[in-house]
Amino acid sequence: MQLNGDRAGQYSIRINQQWRICFEWISSGPENVEIVDYH
């Protein structure tokens, strides 16, 4: 899912109800990968 607001330009993949992996995608692959408590 592509994100908006403060995380515009990033994507996220849900791990479970609470956590997501957020990252930016560049031509060589993922960058600035982080696990985020999304609540």
PDB file of N, CA and C in Angstrom:
ATOM      1  N   MET A   1       0.846  -1.161   0.000  1.00  0.00           N
ATOM      2  CA  MET A   1       0.000   0.000   0.000  1.00  0.00           C
ATOM      3  C   MET A   1       0.901   1.236   0.000  1.00  0.00           C
ATOM      4  N   GLN A   2       0.635   2.182  -0.892  1.00  0.00           N
ATOM      5  CA  GLN A   2       1.381   3.439  -0.898  1.00  0.00           C
ATOM      6  C   GLN A   2       0.763   4.379   0.128  1.00  0.00           C
ATOM      7  N   LEU A   3       1.624   5.058   0.890  1.00  0.00           N
ATOM      8  CA  LEU A   3       1.159   5.874   2.006  1.00  0.00           C
ATOM      9  C   LEU A   3       1.050   7.344   1.631  1.00  0.00           C
ATOM     10  N   ASN A   4       0.330   8.097   2.460  1.00  0.00           N
ATOM     11  CA  ASN A   4       0.114   9.537   2.269  1.00  0.00           C
ATOM     12  C   ASN A   4       0.595  10.292   3.499  1.00  0.00           C
ATOM     13  N   GLY A   5       0.405  11.601   3.500  1.00  0.00           N
ATOM     14  CA  GLY A   5       0.716  12.427   4.671  1.00  0.00           C
ATOM     15  C   GLY A   5       2.203  12.470   4.958  1.00  0.00           C
ATOM     16  N   ASP A   6       2.565  12.271   6.239  1.00  0.00           N
ATOM     17  CA  ASP A   6       3.967  12.320   6.657  1.00  0.00           C
ATOM     18  C   ASP A   6       4.808  11.231   6.000  1.00  0.00           C
ATOM     19  N   ARG A   7       4.171  10.174   5.559  1.00  0.00           N
ATOM     20  CA  ARG A   7       4.890   9.054   4.948  1.00  0.00           C
ATOM     21  C   ARG A   7       4.667   8.978   3.439  1.00  0.00           C
ATOM     22  N   ALA A   8       4.328  10.094   2.829  1.00  0.00           N
ATOM     23  CA  ALA A   8       4.129  10.128   1.369  1.00  0.00           C
ATOM     24  C   ALA A   8       5.389   9.635   0.676  1.00  0.00           C
ATOM     25  N   GLY A   9       5.213   8.813  -0.348  1.00  0.00           N
ATOM     26  CA  GLY A   9       6.347   8.254  -1.074  1.00  0.00           C
ATOM     27  C   GLY A   9       6.833   6.934  -0.510  1.00  0.00           C
ATOM     28  N   GLN A  10       6.269   6.514   0.611  1.00  0.00           N
ATOM     29  CA  GLN A  10       6.637   5.238   1.206  1.00  0.00           C
ATOM     30  C   GLN A  10       5.549   4.207   0.935  1.00  0.00           C
ATOM     31  N   TYR A  11       5.918   2.955   1.121  1.00  0.00           N
ATOM     32  CA  TYR A  11       4.991   1.838   0.997  1.00  0.00           C
ATOM     33  C   TYR A  11       4.982   1.097   2.321  1.00  0.00           C
ATOM     34  N   SER A  12       3.940   0.300   2.539  1.00  0.00           N
ATOM     35  CA  SER A  12       3.898  -0.500   3.764  1.00  0.00           C
ATOM     36  C   SER A  12       3.329  -1.877   3.474  1.00  0.00           C
ATOM     37  N   ILE A  13       3.791  -2.819   4.277  1.00  0.00           N
ATOM     38  CA  ILE A  13       3.271  -4.184   4.268  1.00  0.00           C
ATOM     39  C   ILE A  13       2.883  -4.496   5.703  1.00  0.00           C
ATOM     40  N   ARG A  14       1.666  -4.921   5.899  1.00  0.00           N
ATOM     41  CA  ARG A  14       1.172  -5.221   7.249  1.00  0.00           C
ATOM     42  C   ARG A  14       1.769  -6.548   7.723  1.00  0.00           C
ATOM     43  N   ILE A  15       2.340  -6.534   8.928  1.00  0.00           N
ATOM     44  CA  ILE A  15       2.846  -7.751   9.565  1.00  0.00           C
ATOM     45  C   ILE A  15       1.704  -8.419  10.324  1.00  0.00           C
ATOM     46  N   ASN A  16       1.003  -7.625  11.140  1.00  0.00           N
ATOM     47  CA  ASN A  16      -0.175  -8.082  11.881  1.00  0.00           C
ATOM     48  C   ASN A  16      -1.042  -6.857  12.155  1.00  0.00           C
ATOM     49  N   GLN A  17      -1.988  -6.946  13.088  1.00  0.00           N
ATOM     50  CA  GLN A  17      -2.902  -5.826  13.345  1.00  0.00           C
ATOM     51  C   GLN A  17      -2.182  -4.579  13.847  1.00  0.00           C
ATOM     52  N   GLN A  18      -1.023  -4.759  14.491  1.00  0.00           N
ATOM     53  CA  GLN A  18      -0.337  -3.640  15.129  1.00  0.00           C
ATOM     54  C   GLN A  18       0.875  -3.139  14.347  1.00  0.00           C
ATOM     55  N   TRP A  19       1.608  -4.014  13.680  1.00  0.00           N
ATOM     56  CA  TRP A  19       2.902  -3.663  13.103  1.00  0.00           C
ATOM     57  C   TRP A  19       2.884  -3.668  11.577  1.00  0.00           C
ATOM     58  N   ARG A  20       3.659  -2.749  11.001  1.00  0.00           N
ATOM     59  CA  ARG A  20       3.844  -2.689   9.547  1.00  0.00           C
ATOM     60  C   ARG A  20       5.319  -2.508   9.226  1.00  0.00           C
ATOM     61  N   ILE A  21       5.735  -3.008   8.080  1.00  0.00           N
ATOM     62  CA  ILE A  21       7.051  -2.708   7.535  1.00  0.00           C
ATOM     63  C   ILE A  21       6.847  -1.548   6.574  1.00  0.00           C
ATOM     64  N   CYS A  22       7.515  -0.427   6.813  1.00  0.00           N
ATOM     65  CA  CYS A  22       7.421   0.750   5.946  1.00  0.00           C
ATOM     66  C   CYS A  22       8.754   0.941   5.235  1.00  0.00           C
ATOM     67  N   PHE A  23       8.707   1.343   3.966  1.00  0.00           N
ATOM     68  CA  PHE A  23       9.929   1.492   3.192  1.00  0.00           C
ATOM     69  C   PHE A  23       9.694   2.397   1.998  1.00  0.00           C
ATOM     70  N   GLU A  24      10.781   2.887   1.423  1.00  0.00           N
ATOM     71  CA  GLU A  24      10.756   3.605   0.154  1.00  0.00           C
ATOM     72  C   GLU A  24      11.297   2.652  -0.901  1.00  0.00           C
ATOM     73  N   TRP A  25      10.794   2.741  -2.119  1.00  0.00           N
ATOM     74  CA  TRP A  25      11.269   1.878  -3.196  1.00  0.00           C
ATOM     75  C   TRP A  25      12.036   2.729  -4.204  1.00  0.00           C
ATOM     76  N   ILE A  26      13.304   2.388  -4.434  1.00  0.00           N
ATOM     77  CA  ILE A  26      14.123   3.068  -5.435  1.00  0.00           C
ATOM     78  C   ILE A  26      14.493   2.056  -6.512  1.00  0.00           C
ATOM     79  N   SER A  27      15.166   2.500  -7.561  1.00  0.00           N
ATOM     80  CA  SER A  27      15.446   1.615  -8.694  1.00  0.00           C
ATOM     81  C   SER A  27      16.248   0.375  -8.302  1.00  0.00           C
ATOM     82  N   SER A  28      17.073   0.460  -7.273  1.00  0.00           N
ATOM     83  CA  SER A  28      17.877  -0.698  -6.866  1.00  0.00           C
ATOM     84  C   SER A  28      17.205  -1.546  -5.782  1.00  0.00           C
ATOM     85  N   GLY A  29      15.993  -1.157  -5.343  1.00  0.00           N
ATOM     86  CA  GLY A  29      15.266  -1.948  -4.352  1.00  0.00           C
ATOM     87  C   GLY A  29      14.819  -1.112  -3.171  1.00  0.00           C
ATOM     88  N   PRO A  30      14.443  -1.770  -2.069  1.00  0.00           N
ATOM     89  CA  PRO A  30      13.922  -1.041  -0.909  1.00  0.00           C
ATOM     90  C   PRO A  30      15.005  -0.235  -0.200  1.00  0.00           C
ATOM     91  N   GLU A  31      14.570   0.879   0.409  1.00  0.00           N
ATOM     92  CA  GLU A  31      15.478   1.764   1.132  1.00  0.00           C
ATOM     93  C   GLU A  31      14.728   2.311   2.339  1.00  0.00           C
ATOM     94  N   ASN A  32      15.448   2.667   3.395  1.00  0.00           N
ATOM     95  CA  ASN A  32      14.849   3.217   4.621  1.00  0.00           C
ATOM     96  C   ASN A  32      13.754   2.298   5.168  1.00  0.00           C
ATOM     97  N   VAL A  33      14.087   1.034   5.343  1.00  0.00           N
ATOM     98  CA  VAL A  33      13.133   0.037   5.828  1.00  0.00           C
ATOM     99  C   VAL A  33      13.030   0.144   7.347  1.00  0.00           C
ATOM    100  N   GLU A  34      11.789   0.157   7.856  1.00  0.00           N
ATOM    101  CA  GLU A  34      11.581   0.204   9.300  1.00  0.00           C
ATOM    102  C   GLU A  34      10.321  -0.557   9.681  1.00  0.00           C
ATOM    103  N   ILE A  35      10.311  -1.085  10.890  1.00  0.00           N
ATOM    104  CA  ILE A  35       9.122  -1.729  11.445  1.00  0.00           C
ATOM    105  C   ILE A  35       8.453  -0.704  12.347  1.00  0.00           C
ATOM    106  N   VAL A  36       7.153  -0.448  12.103  1.00  0.00           N
ATOM    107  CA  VAL A  36       6.456   0.654  12.758  1.00  0.00           C
ATOM    108  C   VAL A  36       5.227   0.137  13.501  1.00  0.00           C
ATOM    109  N   ASP A  37       5.052   0.606  14.740  1.00  0.00           N
ATOM    110  CA  ASP A  37       3.824   0.372  15.498  1.00  0.00           C
ATOM    111  C   ASP A  37       2.809   1.361  14.948  1.00  0.00           C
ATOM    112  N   TYR A  38       1.842   0.889  14.179  1.00  0.00           N
ATOM    113  CA  TYR A  38       0.978   1.766  13.396  1.00  0.00           C
ATOM    114  C   TYR A  38      -0.263   2.222  14.144  1.00  0.00           C
ATOM    115  N   HIS A  39      -0.326   2.004  15.454  1.00  0.00           N
ATOM    116  CA  HIS A  39      -1.490   2.470  16.232  1.00  0.00           C
ATOM    117  C   HIS A  39      -1.106   3.593  17.124  1.00  0.00           C
TER     118      HIS A  39
END
